[in-house]
């Protein structure tokens, strides 16, 4: 086969199932198992491919993907280049470095541009495009895209699961304005409480405070404060103090002013972008107004 990497073949097969099911649910009858594989392979062969088994024939993948207007190939040099940029990208997100996030996303998108019509790479292109849109253009993915990304978790390589979870939870945060259970269910389904990535743990903080789990909230706050202080990550530290403020508004009013003072001290001594400070103070006063 052209693609010697069996893991990639398995991923592609599972992606074919996702694409076909999406179209079938849109009442396009030609995407039923029977109609989709007609003239290409047997139903059993399609089922095996979609479950992640490897077919011996490139032509089967070529023809199935052609029905989805995608192409079939493997570009290991692109994979390596993108994966090498993941660590600096996650660091830029951790420090809320918008310039860095935009620059790295642009490099990745430029790499993926020439292969975006190929299966798997089309997914990567959209993922990084959505990430850039969130940070640079202040655009959140739709509920439909969030559902699609949920289906990609466990299929795409683990190195991309952090971005997928982040994008999913940004959408769930908005959808939960009408139904808080949407957010709480997503936290459990995505196993966010066990997630090690620091910037993803802010979603867990929100979950703890909205579900009144104050002991767990305090424990996570104290843990993150120590980490952010040691890393001198002041931009995340002021986000963290927002949650201390919310906590003490509930359980101990006398202590909440201490965290407003901590934010003020950071604002005076560190180079925090004005938009971040404005966002922080708006959150503080909004919460103070709601809780009063």
C-alpha atoms as a PDB file:
ATOM      1  CA  UNK A   1       0.000   0.000   0.000  1.00  0.00           C
ATOM      2  CA  UNK A   2       1.035   3.613  -0.461  1.00  0.00           C
ATOM      3  CA  UNK A   3       0.523   4.184   3.260  1.00  0.00           C
ATOM      4  CA  UNK A   4       2.724   1.838   5.254  1.00  0.00           C
ATOM      5  CA  UNK A   5       1.664   3.283   8.602  1.00  0.00           C
ATOM      6  CA  UNK A   6      -1.071   0.914   9.818  1.00  0.00           C
ATOM      7  CA  UNK A   7      -2.150   3.276  12.592  1.00  0.00           C
ATOM      8  CA  UNK A   8      -2.902   5.941  10.006  1.00  0.00           C
ATOM      9  CA  UNK A   9      -4.880   3.442   7.913  1.00  0.00           C
ATOM     10  CA  UNK A  10      -6.968   2.593  10.979  1.00  0.00           C
ATOM     11  CA  UNK A  11      -7.609   6.294  11.629  1.00  0.00           C
ATOM     12  CA  UNK A  12      -8.636   6.865   8.014  1.00  0.00           C
ATOM     13  CA  UNK A  13     -11.082   3.953   8.147  1.00  0.00           C
ATOM     14  CA  UNK A  14     -12.730   5.336  11.269  1.00  0.00           C
ATOM     15  CA  UNK A  15     -12.902   8.795   9.697  1.00  0.00           C
ATOM     16  CA  UNK A  16     -14.697   7.310   6.687  1.00  0.00           C
ATOM     17  CA  UNK A  17     -17.350   5.991   9.065  1.00  0.00           C
ATOM     18  CA  UNK A  18     -17.758   9.425  10.692  1.00  0.00           C
ATOM     19  CA  UNK A  19     -18.088  11.183   7.322  1.00  0.00           C
ATOM     20  CA  UNK A  20     -20.519   8.601   5.945  1.00  0.00           C
ATOM     21  CA  UNK A  21     -22.684   8.646   9.081  1.00  0.00           C
ATOM     22  CA  UNK A  22     -22.826  12.453   9.043  1.00  0.00           C
ATOM     23  CA  UNK A  23     -24.103  12.451   5.481  1.00  0.00           C
ATOM     24  CA  UNK A  24     -26.495   9.579   6.105  1.00  0.00           C
ATOM     25  CA  UNK A  25     -28.063  11.466   9.009  1.00  0.00           C
ATOM     26  CA  UNK A  26     -28.638  14.347   6.619  1.00  0.00           C
ATOM     27  CA  UNK A  27     -31.054  12.025   4.758  1.00  0.00           C
ATOM     28  CA  UNK A  28     -28.654  11.388   1.895  1.00  0.00           C
ATOM     29  CA  UNK A  29     -29.602   7.796   1.180  1.00  0.00           C
ATOM     30  CA  UNK A  30     -26.582   7.097  -1.000  1.00  0.00           C
ATOM     31  CA  UNK A  31     -24.504   7.019   2.193  1.00  0.00           C
ATOM     32  CA  UNK A  32     -26.135   3.947   3.710  1.00  0.00           C
ATOM     33  CA  UNK A  33     -23.752   0.998   4.035  1.00  0.00           C
ATOM     34  CA  UNK A  34     -25.313  -0.716   1.019  1.00  0.00           C
ATOM     35  CA  UNK A  35     -25.345   2.284  -1.305  1.00  0.00           C
ATOM     36  CA  UNK A  36     -21.985   3.715  -0.213  1.00  0.00           C
ATOM     37  CA  UNK A  37     -19.943   0.590  -0.981  1.00  0.00           C
ATOM     38  CA  UNK A  38     -21.891  -0.362  -4.111  1.00  0.00           C
ATOM     39  CA  UNK A  39     -19.470  -1.223  -6.917  1.00  0.00           C
ATOM     40  CA  UNK A  40     -16.456  -0.750  -4.636  1.00  0.00           C
ATOM     41  CA  UNK A  41     -16.437  -3.489  -2.006  1.00  0.00           C
ATOM     42  CA  UNK A  42     -18.730  -5.710   0.027  1.00  0.00           C
ATOM     43  CA  UNK A  43     -20.662  -4.429   3.030  1.00  0.00           C
ATOM     44  CA  UNK A  44     -18.517  -6.601   5.306  1.00  0.00           C
ATOM     45  CA  UNK A  45     -15.335  -5.100   3.853  1.00  0.00           C
ATOM     46  CA  UNK A  46     -16.674  -1.580   4.460  1.00  0.00           C
ATOM     47  CA  UNK A  47     -17.633  -2.486   8.023  1.00  0.00           C
ATOM     48  CA  UNK A  48     -14.125  -3.812   8.681  1.00  0.00           C
ATOM     49  CA  UNK A  49     -12.519  -0.702   7.201  1.00  0.00           C
ATOM     50  CA  UNK A  50     -14.759   1.589   9.261  1.00  0.00           C
ATOM     51  CA  UNK A  51     -13.925  -0.345  12.431  1.00  0.00           C
ATOM     52  CA  UNK A  52     -10.205   0.273  11.854  1.00  0.00           C
ATOM     53  CA  UNK A  53      -9.093  -2.877  10.082  1.00  0.00           C
ATOM     54  CA  UNK A  54      -6.710  -2.467   7.158  1.00  0.00           C
ATOM     55  CA  UNK A  55      -7.707  -3.327   3.608  1.00  0.00           C
ATOM     56  CA  UNK A  56      -4.992  -4.552   1.274  1.00  0.00           C
ATOM     57  CA  UNK A  57      -6.222  -2.415  -1.599  1.00  0.00           C
ATOM     58  CA  UNK A  58      -5.439   1.267  -2.067  1.00  0.00           C
ATOM     59  CA  UNK A  59      -8.183   1.438  -4.673  1.00  0.00           C
ATOM     60  CA  UNK A  60     -10.875   0.725  -2.079  1.00  0.00           C
ATOM     61  CA  UNK A  61      -9.821   3.757  -0.025  1.00  0.00           C
ATOM     62  CA  UNK A  62      -9.407   5.890  -3.149  1.00  0.00           C
ATOM     63  CA  UNK A  63     -12.911   5.119  -4.357  1.00  0.00           C
ATOM     64  CA  UNK A  64     -14.623   5.413  -0.969  1.00  0.00           C
ATOM     65  CA  UNK A  65     -12.958   8.740  -0.262  1.00  0.00           C
ATOM     66  CA  UNK A  66     -13.726  10.019  -3.763  1.00  0.00           C
ATOM     67  CA  UNK A  67     -17.408   9.751  -2.819  1.00  0.00           C
ATOM     68  CA  UNK A  68     -16.622  12.074   0.071  1.00  0.00           C
ATOM     69  CA  UNK A  69     -14.619  14.453  -2.173  1.00  0.00           C
ATOM     70  CA  UNK A  70     -11.406  13.583  -0.345  1.00  0.00           C
ATOM     71  CA  UNK A  71      -8.135  11.998  -1.428  1.00  0.00           C
ATOM     72  CA  UNK A  72      -6.034   9.219   0.043  1.00  0.00           C
ATOM     73  CA  UNK A  73      -2.330   9.601   0.829  1.00  0.00           C
ATOM     74  CA  UNK A  74       0.229  10.019   3.603  1.00  0.00           C
ATOM     75  CA  UNK A  75       2.698  12.881   4.118  1.00  0.00           C
ATOM     76  CA  UNK A  76       5.005  11.976   7.033  1.00  0.00           C
ATOM     77  CA  UNK A  77       7.090  15.134   6.609  1.00  0.00           C
ATOM     78  CA  UNK A  78       3.965  17.230   7.196  1.00  0.00           C
ATOM     79  CA  UNK A  79       3.048  15.163  10.259  1.00  0.00           C
ATOM     80  CA  UNK A  80       6.522  15.608  11.738  1.00  0.00           C
ATOM     81  CA  UNK A  81       6.595  19.356  11.083  1.00  0.00           C
ATOM     82  CA  UNK A  82       3.163  19.903  12.668  1.00  0.00           C
ATOM     83  CA  UNK A  83       3.947  17.724  15.687  1.00  0.00           C
ATOM     84  CA  UNK A  84       7.182  19.644  16.306  1.00  0.00           C
ATOM     85  CA  UNK A  85       5.159  22.845  16.684  1.00  0.00           C
ATOM     86  CA  UNK A  86       2.709  21.439  19.213  1.00  0.00           C
ATOM     87  CA  UNK A  87       4.854  22.036  22.300  1.00  0.00           C
ATOM     88  CA  UNK A  88       5.505  25.738  21.532  1.00  0.00           C
ATOM     89  CA  UNK A  89       1.830  26.138  20.624  1.00  0.00           C
ATOM     90  CA  UNK A  90       0.678  24.704  23.948  1.00  0.00           C
ATOM     91  CA  UNK A  91       3.164  26.928  25.756  1.00  0.00           C
ATOM     92  CA  UNK A  92       1.827  29.988  23.923  1.00  0.00           C
ATOM     93  CA  UNK A  93      -1.705  29.029  24.970  1.00  0.00           C
ATOM     94  CA  UNK A  94      -0.555  28.428  28.540  1.00  0.00           C
ATOM     95  CA  UNK A  95       0.822  31.967  28.754  1.00  0.00           C
ATOM     96  CA  UNK A  96      -2.066  33.424  26.749  1.00  0.00           C
ATOM     97  CA  UNK A  97       0.410  34.707  24.155  1.00  0.00           C
ATOM     98  CA  UNK A  98      -1.977  35.714  21.372  1.00  0.00           C
ATOM     99  CA  UNK A  99       0.804  36.794  19.026  1.00  0.00           C
ATOM    100  CA  UNK A 100       2.566  33.464  19.483  1.00  0.00           C
ATOM    101  CA  UNK A 101      -0.648  31.476  19.059  1.00  0.00           C
ATOM    102  CA  UNK A 102      -1.470  33.299  15.830  1.00  0.00           C
ATOM    103  CA  UNK A 103       2.048  32.935  14.443  1.00  0.00           C
ATOM    104  CA  UNK A 104       2.284  29.197  15.148  1.00  0.00           C
ATOM    105  CA  UNK A 105      -1.234  28.487  13.870  1.00  0.00           C
ATOM    106  CA  UNK A 106      -0.414  30.366  10.663  1.00  0.00           C
ATOM    107  CA  UNK A 107       2.699  28.238  10.143  1.00  0.00           C
ATOM    108  CA  UNK A 108       0.750  25.031  10.708  1.00  0.00           C
ATOM    109  CA  UNK A 109      -2.064  26.119   8.387  1.00  0.00           C
ATOM    110  CA  UNK A 110       0.448  27.023   5.679  1.00  0.00           C
ATOM    111  CA  UNK A 111       1.932  23.535   5.980  1.00  0.00           C
ATOM    112  CA  UNK A 112      -1.470  21.885   5.788  1.00  0.00           C
ATOM    113  CA  UNK A 113      -2.794  24.059   2.960  1.00  0.00           C
ATOM    114  CA  UNK A 114      -1.350  21.889   0.184  1.00  0.00           C
ATOM    115  CA  UNK A 115      -2.716  18.663   1.690  1.00  0.00           C
ATOM    116  CA  UNK A 116      -6.050  19.882   3.045  1.00  0.00           C
ATOM    117  CA  UNK A 117      -8.013  17.898   0.444  1.00  0.00           C
ATOM    118  CA  UNK A 118      -6.623  14.634   1.783  1.00  0.00           C
ATOM    119  CA  UNK A 119      -8.378  12.602   4.460  1.00  0.00           C
ATOM    120  CA  UNK A 120      -6.975  13.170   7.994  1.00  0.00           C
ATOM    121  CA  UNK A 121      -5.126  16.337   6.938  1.00  0.00           C
ATOM    122  CA  UNK A 122      -8.463  17.998   6.218  1.00  0.00           C
ATOM    123  CA  UNK A 123      -9.382  17.411   9.864  1.00  0.00           C
ATOM    124  CA  UNK A 124      -6.106  18.857  11.121  1.00  0.00           C
ATOM    125  CA  UNK A 125      -6.557  21.921   8.940  1.00  0.00           C
ATOM    126  CA  UNK A 126     -10.016  22.618  10.357  1.00  0.00           C
ATOM    127  CA  UNK A 127      -8.896  22.020  13.952  1.00  0.00           C
ATOM    128  CA  UNK A 128      -6.079  24.564  13.749  1.00  0.00           C
ATOM    129  CA  UNK A 129      -8.224  26.989  11.785  1.00  0.00           C
ATOM    130  CA  UNK A 130     -10.863  26.846  14.545  1.00  0.00           C
ATOM    131  CA  UNK A 131      -8.209  27.293  17.235  1.00  0.00           C
ATOM    132  CA  UNK A 132      -6.833  30.368  15.498  1.00  0.00           C
ATOM    133  CA  UNK A 133     -10.333  31.782  15.018  1.00  0.00           C
ATOM    134  CA  UNK A 134     -11.055  31.384  18.719  1.00  0.00           C
ATOM    135  CA  UNK A 135      -7.979  33.263  19.919  1.00  0.00           C
ATOM    136  CA  UNK A 136      -7.434  35.782  17.128  1.00  0.00           C
ATOM    137  CA  UNK A 137     -10.944  36.391  15.781  1.00  0.00           C
ATOM    138  CA  UNK A 138     -12.915  35.676  18.978  1.00  0.00           C
ATOM    139  CA  UNK A 139     -15.043  33.051  17.205  1.00  0.00           C
ATOM    140  CA  UNK A 140     -16.310  29.903  18.918  1.00  0.00           C
ATOM    141  CA  UNK A 141     -17.070  26.680  17.056  1.00  0.00           C
ATOM    142  CA  UNK A 142     -20.701  25.712  16.491  1.00  0.00           C
ATOM    143  CA  UNK A 143     -22.515  23.044  18.492  1.00  0.00           C
ATOM    144  CA  UNK A 144     -22.411  20.794  15.414  1.00  0.00           C
ATOM    145  CA  UNK A 145     -18.643  21.100  15.064  1.00  0.00           C
ATOM    146  CA  UNK A 146     -18.243  20.424  18.791  1.00  0.00           C
ATOM    147  CA  UNK A 147     -20.175  17.164  18.355  1.00  0.00           C
ATOM    148  CA  UNK A 148     -17.957  16.225  15.423  1.00  0.00           C
ATOM    149  CA  UNK A 149     -14.830  16.900  17.475  1.00  0.00           C
ATOM    150  CA  UNK A 150     -16.189  14.698  20.227  1.00  0.00           C
ATOM    151  CA  UNK A 151     -16.344  11.872  17.696  1.00  0.00           C
ATOM    152  CA  UNK A 152     -12.703  12.557  16.741  1.00  0.00           C
ATOM    153  CA  UNK A 153     -11.450  12.092  20.300  1.00  0.00           C
ATOM    154  CA  UNK A 154      -9.909   8.654  20.531  1.00  0.00           C
ATOM    155  CA  UNK A 155      -9.459   8.566  16.752  1.00  0.00           C
ATOM    156  CA  UNK A 156      -7.016  11.399  16.085  1.00  0.00           C
ATOM    157  CA  UNK A 157      -3.555  11.033  17.678  1.00  0.00           C
ATOM    158  CA  UNK A 158      -3.426  11.906  21.412  1.00  0.00           C
ATOM    159  CA  UNK A 159      -1.187  14.922  20.748  1.00  0.00           C
ATOM    160  CA  UNK A 160      -4.238  16.736  19.343  1.00  0.00           C
ATOM    161  CA  UNK A 161      -6.713  15.732  22.063  1.00  0.00           C
ATOM    162  CA  UNK A 162      -5.905  18.816  24.157  1.00  0.00           C
ATOM    163  CA  UNK A 163      -6.964  21.149  21.346  1.00  0.00           C
ATOM    164  CA  UNK A 164     -10.075  19.089  20.639  1.00  0.00           C
ATOM    165  CA  UNK A 165     -11.121  19.126  24.294  1.00  0.00           C
ATOM    166  CA  UNK A 166     -10.435  22.847  24.541  1.00  0.00           C
ATOM    167  CA  UNK A 167     -12.540  23.686  21.506  1.00  0.00           C
ATOM    168  CA  UNK A 168     -15.350  21.388  22.644  1.00  0.00           C
ATOM    169  CA  UNK A 169     -15.470  22.927  26.126  1.00  0.00           C
ATOM    170  CA  UNK A 170     -15.506  26.500  24.792  1.00  0.00           C
ATOM    171  CA  UNK A 171     -18.704  25.587  22.938  1.00  0.00           C
ATOM    172  CA  UNK A 172     -20.182  23.723  25.906  1.00  0.00           C
ATOM    173  CA  UNK A 173     -19.596  26.809  28.068  1.00  0.00           C
ATOM    174  CA  UNK A 174     -21.877  28.798  25.776  1.00  0.00           C
ATOM    175  CA  UNK A 175     -24.504  26.076  25.345  1.00  0.00           C
ATOM    176  CA  UNK A 176     -24.650  25.696  29.130  1.00  0.00           C
ATOM    177  CA  UNK A 177     -26.068  29.200  29.497  1.00  0.00           C
ATOM    178  CA  UNK A 178     -29.432  27.628  28.659  1.00  0.00           C
ATOM    179  CA  UNK A 179     -28.802  24.298  30.366  1.00  0.00           C
ATOM    180  CA  UNK A 180     -25.983  23.937  32.964  1.00  0.00           C
ATOM    181  CA  UNK A 181     -26.188  20.158  32.686  1.00  0.00           C
ATOM    182  CA  UNK A 182     -24.623  20.392  29.220  1.00  0.00           C
ATOM    183  CA  UNK A 183     -21.397  21.683  30.750  1.00  0.00           C
ATOM    184  CA  UNK A 184     -21.356  19.289  33.701  1.00  0.00           C
ATOM    185  CA  UNK A 185     -22.027  16.302  31.452  1.00  0.00           C
ATOM    186  CA  UNK A 186     -19.190  17.315  29.121  1.00  0.00           C
ATOM    187  CA  UNK A 187     -16.746  17.619  32.031  1.00  0.00           C
ATOM    188  CA  UNK A 188     -17.473  14.015  32.977  1.00  0.00           C
ATOM    189  CA  UNK A 189     -17.670  12.632  29.454  1.00  0.00           C
ATOM    190  CA  UNK A 190     -14.331  14.158  28.436  1.00  0.00           C
ATOM    191  CA  UNK A 191     -12.755  13.143  31.774  1.00  0.00           C
ATOM    192  CA  UNK A 192     -11.604  16.719  32.293  1.00  0.00           C
ATOM    193  CA  UNK A 193     -10.972  16.253  36.021  1.00  0.00           C
ATOM    194  CA  UNK A 194      -8.127  13.845  35.169  1.00  0.00           C
ATOM    195  CA  UNK A 195      -6.693  16.123  32.488  1.00  0.00           C
ATOM    196  CA  UNK A 196      -3.095  17.195  33.245  1.00  0.00           C
ATOM    197  CA  UNK A 197      -2.954  20.170  30.879  1.00  0.00           C
ATOM    198  CA  UNK A 198      -2.983  23.305  33.021  1.00  0.00           C
ATOM    199  CA  UNK A 199      -5.112  25.563  30.832  1.00  0.00           C
ATOM    200  CA  UNK A 200      -7.756  22.840  30.540  1.00  0.00           C
ATOM    201  CA  UNK A 201      -8.048  22.772  34.317  1.00  0.00           C
ATOM    202  CA  UNK A 202      -9.780  26.156  34.244  1.00  0.00           C
ATOM    203  CA  UNK A 203     -12.810  24.327  32.874  1.00  0.00           C
ATOM    204  CA  UNK A 204     -12.663  22.111  35.965  1.00  0.00           C
ATOM    205  CA  UNK A 205     -12.525  25.157  38.239  1.00  0.00           C
ATOM    206  CA  UNK A 206     -15.718  26.412  36.633  1.00  0.00           C
ATOM    207  CA  UNK A 207     -17.314  22.998  37.112  1.00  0.00           C
ATOM    208  CA  UNK A 208     -16.396  22.907  40.815  1.00  0.00           C
ATOM    209  CA  UNK A 209     -17.757  26.358  41.534  1.00  0.00           C
ATOM    210  CA  UNK A 210     -21.027  25.855  39.641  1.00  0.00           C
ATOM    211  CA  UNK A 211     -21.604  22.515  41.389  1.00  0.00           C
ATOM    212  CA  UNK A 212     -20.681  23.917  44.850  1.00  0.00           C
ATOM    213  CA  UNK A 213     -17.734  21.538  45.308  1.00  0.00           C
ATOM    214  CA  UNK A 214     -15.805  24.045  47.388  1.00  0.00           C
ATOM    215  CA  UNK A 215     -13.243  21.704  48.960  1.00  0.00           C
ATOM    216  CA  UNK A 216     -12.231  20.332  45.559  1.00  0.00           C
ATOM    217  CA  UNK A 217     -12.185  23.881  44.213  1.00  0.00           C
ATOM    218  CA  UNK A 218      -9.874  25.082  46.976  1.00  0.00           C
ATOM    219  CA  UNK A 219      -7.511  22.155  46.508  1.00  0.00           C
ATOM    220  CA  UNK A 220      -7.194  22.759  42.767  1.00  0.00           C
ATOM    221  CA  UNK A 221      -6.832  26.524  43.246  1.00  0.00           C
ATOM    222  CA  UNK A 222      -3.989  26.081  45.720  1.00  0.00           C
ATOM    223  CA  UNK A 223      -2.250  23.589  43.446  1.00  0.00           C
ATOM    224  CA  UNK A 224      -2.485  25.835  40.385  1.00  0.00           C
ATOM    225  CA  UNK A 225      -1.427  28.943  42.303  1.00  0.00           C
ATOM    226  CA  UNK A 226       1.829  27.279  43.313  1.00  0.00           C
ATOM    227  CA  UNK A 227       2.484  26.179  39.729  1.00  0.00           C
ATOM    228  CA  UNK A 228       1.725  29.553  38.155  1.00  0.00           C
ATOM    229  CA  UNK A 229       3.808  31.400  40.739  1.00  0.00           C
ATOM    230  CA  UNK A 230       6.771  29.082  40.114  1.00  0.00           C
ATOM    231  CA  UNK A 231       6.420  29.567  36.352  1.00  0.00           C
ATOM    232  CA  UNK A 232       5.877  33.333  36.761  1.00  0.00           C
ATOM    233  CA  UNK A 233       2.746  32.912  34.658  1.00  0.00           C
ATOM    234  CA  UNK A 234       1.029  36.035  35.899  1.00  0.00           C
ATOM    235  CA  UNK A 235      -1.570  36.229  33.166  1.00  0.00           C
ATOM    236  CA  UNK A 236      -3.000  32.880  34.263  1.00  0.00           C
ATOM    237  CA  UNK A 237      -2.529  33.804  37.894  1.00  0.00           C
ATOM    238  CA  UNK A 238      -4.972  36.695  37.673  1.00  0.00           C
ATOM    239  CA  UNK A 239      -7.495  34.328  36.053  1.00  0.00           C
ATOM    240  CA  UNK A 240      -6.965  32.047  39.025  1.00  0.00           C
ATOM    241  CA  UNK A 241      -7.567  34.854  41.507  1.00  0.00           C
ATOM    242  CA  UNK A 242     -10.939  35.399  39.870  1.00  0.00           C
ATOM    243  CA  UNK A 243     -11.918  31.977  41.126  1.00  0.00           C
ATOM    244  CA  UNK A 244     -10.573  32.667  44.623  1.00  0.00           C
ATOM    245  CA  UNK A 245     -12.717  35.795  44.602  1.00  0.00           C
ATOM    246  CA  UNK A 246     -15.786  33.781  43.575  1.00  0.00           C
ATOM    247  CA  UNK A 247     -15.079  31.166  46.242  1.00  0.00           C
ATOM    248  CA  UNK A 248     -14.671  33.639  49.076  1.00  0.00           C
ATOM    249  CA  UNK A 249     -17.729  35.568  47.934  1.00  0.00           C
ATOM    250  CA  UNK A 250     -19.618  32.396  48.793  1.00  0.00           C
ATOM    251  CA  UNK A 251     -17.845  31.136  51.904  1.00  0.00           C
ATOM    252  CA  UNK A 252     -15.864  34.016  53.436  1.00  0.00           C
ATOM    253  CA  UNK A 253     -16.521  37.573  52.251  1.00  0.00           C
ATOM    254  CA  UNK A 254     -13.691  38.986  54.325  1.00  0.00           C
ATOM    255  CA  UNK A 255     -11.028  37.169  52.309  1.00  0.00           C
ATOM    256  CA  UNK A 256     -12.171  38.026  48.799  1.00  0.00           C
ATOM    257  CA  UNK A 257     -10.725  41.553  48.840  1.00  0.00           C
ATOM    258  CA  UNK A 258      -7.288  40.001  49.356  1.00  0.00           C
ATOM    259  CA  UNK A 259      -7.468  38.558  45.845  1.00  0.00           C
ATOM    260  CA  UNK A 260      -8.571  41.807  44.288  1.00  0.00           C
ATOM    261  CA  UNK A 261      -5.446  43.312  45.859  1.00  0.00           C
ATOM    262  CA  UNK A 262      -3.308  40.488  44.457  1.00  0.00           C
ATOM    263  CA  UNK A 263      -4.643  41.167  40.971  1.00  0.00           C
ATOM    264  CA  UNK A 264      -3.940  44.887  41.409  1.00  0.00           C
ATOM    265  CA  UNK A 265      -0.380  44.137  42.510  1.00  0.00           C
ATOM    266  CA  UNK A 266       0.257  41.956  39.465  1.00  0.00           C
ATOM    267  CA  UNK A 267      -1.259  44.608  37.191  1.00  0.00           C
ATOM    268  CA  UNK A 268       1.168  47.193  38.584  1.00  0.00           C
ATOM    269  CA  UNK A 269       4.328  45.054  38.542  1.00  0.00           C
ATOM    270  CA  UNK A 270       3.933  42.821  35.476  1.00  0.00           C
ATOM    271  CA  UNK A 271       3.276  43.517  31.802  1.00  0.00           C
ATOM    272  CA  UNK A 272      -0.283  42.237  31.523  1.00  0.00           C
ATOM    273  CA  UNK A 273      -2.097  43.210  28.285  1.00  0.00           C
ATOM    274  CA  UNK A 274      -4.808  45.813  28.817  1.00  0.00           C
ATOM    275  CA  UNK A 275      -7.477  43.610  27.196  1.00  0.00           C
ATOM    276  CA  UNK A 276      -6.708  40.876  29.718  1.00  0.00           C
ATOM    277  CA  UNK A 277      -6.937  43.230  32.682  1.00  0.00           C
ATOM    278  CA  UNK A 278     -10.223  44.641  31.374  1.00  0.00           C
ATOM    279  CA  UNK A 279     -11.619  41.142  30.946  1.00  0.00           C
ATOM    280  CA  UNK A 280     -10.514  40.227  34.457  1.00  0.00           C
ATOM    281  CA  UNK A 281     -12.061  43.248  36.191  1.00  0.00           C
ATOM    282  CA  UNK A 282     -15.297  42.874  34.228  1.00  0.00           C
ATOM    283  CA  UNK A 283     -15.547  39.240  35.403  1.00  0.00           C
ATOM    284  CA  UNK A 284     -14.904  40.270  38.995  1.00  0.00           C
ATOM    285  CA  UNK A 285     -17.498  43.018  39.065  1.00  0.00           C
ATOM    286  CA  UNK A 286     -20.053  40.939  37.146  1.00  0.00           C
ATOM    287  CA  UNK A 287     -19.729  38.178  39.699  1.00  0.00           C
ATOM    288  CA  UNK A 288     -19.904  40.670  42.565  1.00  0.00           C
ATOM    289  CA  UNK A 289     -23.083  42.155  41.102  1.00  0.00           C
ATOM    290  CA  UNK A 290     -24.718  38.749  40.554  1.00  0.00           C
ATOM    291  CA  UNK A 291     -23.860  37.514  44.038  1.00  0.00           C
ATOM    292  CA  UNK A 292     -24.941  40.683  45.837  1.00  0.00           C
END
